[in-house]
Amino acid sequence: MSYVRVYVLVEDYSGYESPFLAQHGVSFLIEADGKRILFDTGQSAEPILHNMKILGIDPASIDYVFLSHCHYDHTGGLLGILKAIGRRVPVVAHPLIFRRHFITKPYLREVGVPFRREEVEELADLYLTADPLPITENVLSTGEVTEREEFERTELEVYTIENGKVVGDRLRDDMSLVAKTPGGLVVISGCSHAGIVSIVKHAIRLTGEERVRAVIGGFHLIEASDERIKRTVEEFKELGVKEVYTGHCTGLKAETAFLKAYGERFRKLHSGMVMEF
């Protein structure tokens, strides 16, 4: 196994005295096995391309794009990034990613992918699958996380349309990446709508590797109860998660809980951050 390097190309927080741009959303660049995987594309391409320039990363060096789920703050920059890459690359996502996905409060508003599937297909090759998919020798998509912990099964006020009926959207398209390193698994999530504990347990089952070196991403605990936050931290400890890197939709209360539990092994994500494993 070779090293894995993760760049935070954009995040809600730009860092202290930082030249990097921030934006509500997430985009990571993962280097592994001599390949570069772009994980999510924020709301728009501009801040990502700005930050890549500072980091000395050429968009043309990107080999793959992975979309964790449909939300606009994770997919909005895709077309701009693909144009900057300048050639057709595989885009890995769930088959449901282009569905209608909307909220109704305070008004009806689409919050899913802000463009049509056909626009992506003009620029890239779609690999739409709910199954786990190896991308490089040591990095794979989790596929759809079907076994979700009971305490993580909360309902979001988001909807889709099925057979002409408005139904609650369970965000089945939420997927993550897992990187195998000498020190254990590195689990990378976008928003963890499937539940971050469920995702980590799924990654362990999928790979047969019980050691978890790090969990990176947004954990979507920003509106979670104190009890759920406490349970999440406890589960991380029981699973032996060594390091936690989080931000975006995790929320200050949950970040504080992880900081107290992990001390120096907790890091808040920010644009321009680089992690090596």
Protein backbone atom coordinates (compact mmCIF):
# COMPACT_ATOMS: atom_id res chain seq x y z
CA MET A 1 0.00 0.00 0.00
CA SER A 2 1.24 3.47 -0.86
CA TYR A 3 0.59 6.75 0.91
CA VAL A 4 -2.72 8.58 0.55
CA ARG A 5 -2.76 12.37 0.40
CA VAL A 6 -5.99 14.37 0.77
CA TYR A 7 -6.26 18.05 -0.18
CA VAL A 8 -9.21 20.16 0.96
CA LEU A 9 -9.94 22.12 -2.21
CA VAL A 10 -12.92 23.95 -0.74
CA GLU A 11 -14.79 23.90 2.57
CA ASP A 12 -17.06 26.19 4.60
CA TYR A 13 -14.03 27.55 6.49
CA SER A 14 -10.99 29.10 4.80
CA GLY A 15 -8.64 28.84 7.77
CA TYR A 16 -6.85 31.45 9.88
CA GLU A 17 -5.04 34.21 7.90
CA SER A 18 -5.54 32.11 4.79
CA PRO A 19 -5.18 32.98 1.08
CA PHE A 20 -7.70 30.25 0.26
CA LEU A 21 -11.35 30.83 -0.59
CA ALA A 22 -14.18 29.19 1.37
CA GLN A 23 -17.68 28.28 0.25
CA HIS A 24 -20.55 26.34 1.81
CA GLY A 25 -19.82 22.93 0.36
CA VAL A 26 -17.03 20.41 0.02
CA SER A 27 -14.39 19.37 -2.49
CA PHE A 28 -11.41 17.11 -1.80
CA LEU A 29 -8.60 15.86 -4.00
CA ILE A 30 -7.34 12.38 -3.15
CA GLU A 31 -3.93 11.17 -4.34
CA ALA A 32 -3.39 7.41 -4.23
CA ASP A 33 -1.73 4.76 -6.38
CA GLY A 34 -0.37 7.40 -8.74
CA LYS A 35 -3.88 8.71 -9.53
CA ARG A 36 -5.89 11.79 -8.56
CA ILE A 37 -9.57 11.54 -7.61
CA LEU A 38 -11.67 14.67 -7.24
CA PHE A 39 -14.24 14.08 -4.49
CA ASP A 40 -17.22 16.45 -4.90
CA THR A 41 -17.15 19.85 -6.57
CA GLY A 42 -18.61 22.40 -4.13
CA GLN A 43 -21.25 24.89 -5.29
CA SER A 44 -19.16 26.35 -8.10
CA ALA A 45 -15.85 25.78 -9.83
CA GLU A 46 -14.31 29.22 -9.27
CA PRO A 47 -13.13 28.91 -5.64
CA ILE A 48 -11.91 25.36 -6.26
CA LEU A 49 -9.84 26.40 -9.27
CA HIS A 50 -8.52 29.42 -7.32
CA ASN A 51 -7.43 27.19 -4.44
CA MET A 52 -5.95 24.57 -6.78
CA LYS A 53 -3.78 27.26 -8.34
CA ILE A 54 -2.40 28.23 -4.92
CA LEU A 55 -1.75 24.55 -4.16
CA GLY A 56 0.01 24.08 -7.50
CA ILE A 57 -2.49 21.50 -8.76
CA ASP A 58 -3.26 21.41 -12.47
CA PRO A 59 -6.94 20.49 -13.13
CA ALA A 60 -5.74 18.49 -16.15
CA SER A 61 -4.01 16.09 -13.70
CA ILE A 62 -7.37 14.85 -12.33
CA ASP A 63 -8.07 11.25 -13.39
CA TYR A 64 -11.50 10.63 -11.83
CA VAL A 65 -14.41 12.50 -10.29
CA PHE A 66 -16.51 11.03 -7.47
CA LEU A 67 -19.82 12.58 -6.38
CA SER A 68 -20.91 11.65 -2.86
CA HIS A 69 -24.56 12.65 -3.33
CA CYS A 70 -26.84 14.99 -5.26
CA HIS A 71 -26.81 18.20 -3.19
CA TYR A 72 -25.92 21.40 -5.04
CA ASP A 73 -23.12 22.26 -2.60
CA HIS A 74 -21.34 19.04 -3.59
CA THR A 75 -22.12 18.93 -7.32
CA GLY A 76 -22.56 22.54 -8.48
CA GLY A 77 -18.99 23.03 -9.70
CA LEU A 78 -18.89 19.83 -11.76
CA LEU A 79 -19.37 21.26 -15.25
CA GLY A 80 -16.81 24.01 -14.68
CA ILE A 81 -14.27 21.55 -13.29
CA LEU A 82 -14.79 19.11 -16.18
CA LYS A 83 -14.19 21.94 -18.65
CA ALA A 84 -10.99 22.84 -16.78
CA ILE A 85 -9.84 19.19 -16.87
CA GLY A 86 -10.18 19.41 -20.63
CA ARG A 87 -10.71 15.73 -21.44
CA ARG A 88 -13.24 12.98 -20.75
CA VAL A 89 -12.77 11.33 -17.35
CA PRO A 90 -14.96 8.84 -15.42
CA VAL A 91 -17.52 10.40 -13.08
CA VAL A 92 -18.62 7.91 -10.40
CA ALA A 93 -21.99 8.43 -8.68
CA HIS A 94 -25.20 6.69 -7.59
CA PRO A 95 -27.83 5.93 -10.26
CA LEU A 96 -30.36 8.15 -8.45
CA ILE A 97 -28.16 11.24 -8.38
CA PHE A 98 -30.07 13.11 -11.11
CA ARG A 99 -33.53 12.62 -9.56
CA ARG A 100 -35.78 15.54 -8.61
CA HIS A 101 -34.73 16.55 -5.08
CA PHE A 102 -36.32 19.54 -3.35
CA ILE A 103 -37.42 21.28 -0.16
CA THR A 104 -40.70 23.10 0.50
CA LYS A 105 -39.76 25.39 3.42
CA PRO A 106 -39.71 28.34 3.37
CA TYR A 107 -40.65 27.81 -0.29
CA LEU A 108 -40.39 25.17 -3.03
CA ARG A 109 -36.75 24.97 -4.11
CA GLU A 110 -34.62 22.42 -5.94
CA VAL A 111 -31.52 21.48 -3.92
CA GLY A 112 -30.19 18.62 -6.03
CA VAL A 113 -27.81 18.56 -8.99
CA PRO A 114 -28.22 21.98 -10.67
CA PHE A 115 -27.88 20.74 -14.26
CA ARG A 116 -29.05 17.93 -16.52
CA ARG A 117 -27.42 14.53 -16.91
CA GLU A 118 -26.97 15.21 -20.63
CA GLU A 119 -24.75 18.20 -19.86
CA VAL A 120 -22.36 15.96 -17.92
CA GLU A 121 -22.36 13.30 -20.61
CA GLU A 122 -21.16 15.88 -23.13
CA LEU A 123 -17.98 16.28 -21.06
CA ALA A 124 -17.37 13.02 -19.18
CA ASP A 125 -18.19 9.31 -18.88
CA LEU A 126 -20.75 8.49 -16.20
CA TYR A 127 -20.32 5.39 -14.04
CA LEU A 128 -23.62 5.26 -12.17
CA THR A 129 -23.80 2.34 -9.75
CA ALA A 130 -25.12 1.62 -6.26
CA ASP A 131 -22.54 -1.16 -5.88
CA PRO A 132 -19.10 -0.74 -4.29
CA LEU A 133 -16.66 0.16 -7.06
CA PRO A 134 -12.84 -0.03 -6.94
CA ILE A 135 -11.38 3.16 -8.47
CA THR A 136 -7.68 2.50 -7.86
CA GLU A 137 -5.91 -0.44 -6.24
CA ASN A 138 -6.41 0.98 -2.74
CA VAL A 139 -9.40 3.33 -3.11
CA LEU A 140 -12.99 2.22 -3.59
CA SER A 141 -16.48 3.65 -3.43
CA THR A 142 -18.62 2.29 -0.61
CA GLY A 143 -21.64 2.10 -2.88
CA GLU A 144 -25.04 2.61 -1.27
CA VAL A 145 -25.06 2.18 2.52
CA THR A 146 -28.14 0.06 3.12
CA GLU A 147 -27.53 -0.92 6.77
CA ARG A 148 -28.08 2.24 8.79
CA GLU A 149 -27.79 2.49 12.57
CA GLU A 150 -31.17 3.07 14.22
CA PHE A 151 -30.03 6.23 16.04
CA GLU A 152 -28.87 7.72 12.71
CA ARG A 153 -32.17 7.21 10.88
CA THR A 154 -33.40 10.77 11.12
CA GLU A 155 -35.77 12.31 8.58
CA LEU A 156 -34.71 15.38 6.64
CA GLU A 157 -37.38 17.67 5.21
CA VAL A 158 -36.33 16.90 1.65
CA TYR A 159 -38.50 15.29 -0.99
CA THR A 160 -38.54 13.61 -4.36
CA ILE A 161 -41.27 12.51 -6.75
CA GLU A 162 -42.07 8.84 -7.37
CA ASN A 163 -44.89 7.76 -9.70
CA GLY A 164 -46.32 11.28 -9.58
CA LYS A 165 -46.39 11.37 -5.75
CA VAL A 166 -44.33 13.55 -3.42
CA VAL A 167 -42.42 11.32 -0.99
CA GLY A 168 -39.70 11.87 1.60
CA ASP A 169 -36.22 11.45 0.15
CA ARG A 170 -33.99 9.08 2.16
CA LEU A 171 -30.89 10.16 0.22
CA ARG A 172 -30.10 6.63 -0.84
CA ASP A 173 -27.46 8.10 -3.17
CA ASP A 174 -25.17 9.04 -0.27
CA MET A 175 -21.85 7.24 -0.85
CA SER A 176 -18.30 7.64 0.46
CA LEU A 177 -14.77 6.64 -0.49
CA VAL A 178 -12.52 4.29 1.45
CA ALA A 179 -8.73 4.34 1.13
CA LYS A 180 -6.64 1.45 2.41
CA THR A 181 -3.39 2.56 4.05
CA PRO A 182 -0.71 0.72 6.08
CA GLY A 183 -2.19 2.26 9.24
CA GLY A 184 -5.78 1.27 8.49
CA LEU A 185 -8.75 2.66 6.60
CA VAL A 186 -9.23 6.32 5.73
CA VAL A 187 -12.96 6.95 5.26
CA ILE A 188 -13.88 10.08 3.29
CA SER A 189 -17.47 11.32 3.36
CA GLY A 190 -19.25 14.33 1.90
CA CYS A 191 -22.24 14.94 4.20
CA SER A 192 -22.76 11.50 5.78
CA HIS A 193 -26.50 11.48 5.14
CA ALA A 194 -26.34 7.69 5.51
CA GLY A 195 -24.99 8.27 9.05
CA ILE A 196 -21.26 8.53 9.67
CA VAL A 197 -21.18 5.57 12.08
CA SER A 198 -23.14 3.48 9.58
CA ILE A 199 -20.68 4.50 6.85
CA VAL A 200 -17.61 3.54 8.90
CA LYS A 201 -19.12 0.16 9.86
CA HIS A 202 -20.04 -0.41 6.20
CA ALA A 203 -16.44 0.36 5.18
CA ILE A 204 -15.13 -2.16 7.73
CA ARG A 205 -17.49 -4.88 6.47
CA LEU A 206 -16.64 -4.06 2.87
CA THR A 207 -12.86 -4.27 3.25
CA GLY A 208 -12.47 -6.73 6.12
CA GLU A 209 -10.06 -4.20 7.71
CA GLU A 210 -11.02 -3.34 11.30
CA ARG A 211 -8.40 -0.64 11.87
CA VAL A 212 -9.69 2.86 11.06
CA ARG A 213 -6.87 5.37 10.73
CA ALA A 214 -9.02 8.43 10.03
CA VAL A 215 -12.52 9.66 9.19
CA ILE A 216 -12.72 12.80 7.06
CA GLY A 217 -15.70 14.93 5.96
CA GLY A 218 -18.96 16.50 7.00
CA PHE A 219 -20.91 14.42 9.52
CA HIS A 220 -24.27 16.24 9.25
CA LEU A 221 -24.76 16.62 12.99
CA ILE A 222 -25.45 20.36 12.81
CA GLU A 223 -29.07 19.89 13.91
CA ALA A 224 -28.55 16.62 15.81
CA SER A 225 -29.63 16.11 19.41
CA ASP A 226 -27.06 16.09 22.21
CA GLU A 227 -27.80 12.38 22.64
CA ARG A 228 -27.03 11.56 19.01
CA ILE A 229 -23.79 13.56 19.10
CA LYS A 230 -22.73 11.79 22.31
CA ARG A 231 -23.57 8.39 20.82
CA THR A 232 -21.64 9.17 17.62
CA VAL A 233 -18.48 10.07 19.54
CA GLU A 234 -18.84 6.95 21.71
CA GLU A 235 -19.23 4.75 18.64
CA PHE A 236 -16.10 6.28 17.06
CA LYS A 237 -14.18 5.43 20.21
CA GLU A 238 -15.54 1.86 20.27
CA LEU A 239 -14.62 1.40 16.62
CA GLY A 240 -11.08 2.54 17.37
CA VAL A 241 -11.11 5.52 15.00
CA LYS A 242 -7.68 7.09 15.51
CA GLU A 243 -8.10 10.55 13.95
CA VAL A 244 -11.06 12.80 13.07
CA TYR A 245 -11.03 15.57 10.45
CA THR A 246 -14.40 17.26 10.16
CA GLY A 247 -16.27 20.47 9.38
CA HIS A 248 -18.87 21.60 6.81
CA CYS A 249 -22.26 20.29 8.08
CA THR A 250 -20.94 18.77 11.33
CA GLY A 251 -21.87 21.74 13.49
CA LEU A 252 -20.06 23.48 16.33
CA LYS A 253 -21.57 21.35 19.12
CA ALA A 254 -20.47 18.11 17.48
CA GLU A 255 -17.04 19.50 16.59
CA THR A 256 -16.61 20.52 20.24
CA ALA A 257 -17.57 17.01 21.39
CA PHE A 258 -15.01 15.44 19.05
CA LEU A 259 -12.35 17.95 20.12
CA LYS A 260 -12.91 17.06 23.78
CA ALA A 261 -12.77 13.33 23.02
CA TYR A 262 -9.86 13.36 20.57
CA GLY A 263 -7.72 16.33 21.57
CA GLU A 264 -4.79 16.71 19.17
CA ARG A 265 -6.15 13.85 17.06
CA PHE A 266 -9.07 16.11 16.04
CA ARG A 267 -8.62 18.66 13.25
CA LYS A 268 -11.17 21.10 11.87
CA LEU A 269 -11.27 21.04 8.08
CA HIS A 270 -10.47 24.20 6.12
CA SER A 271 -9.76 25.13 2.50
CA GLY A 272 -6.15 24.44 1.58
CA MET A 273 -5.59 21.82 4.28
CA VAL A 274 -3.46 18.81 3.29
CA MET A 275 -3.50 15.44 5.08
CA GLU A 276 -1.10 12.54 4.50
CA PHE A 277 -1.59 8.97 5.61
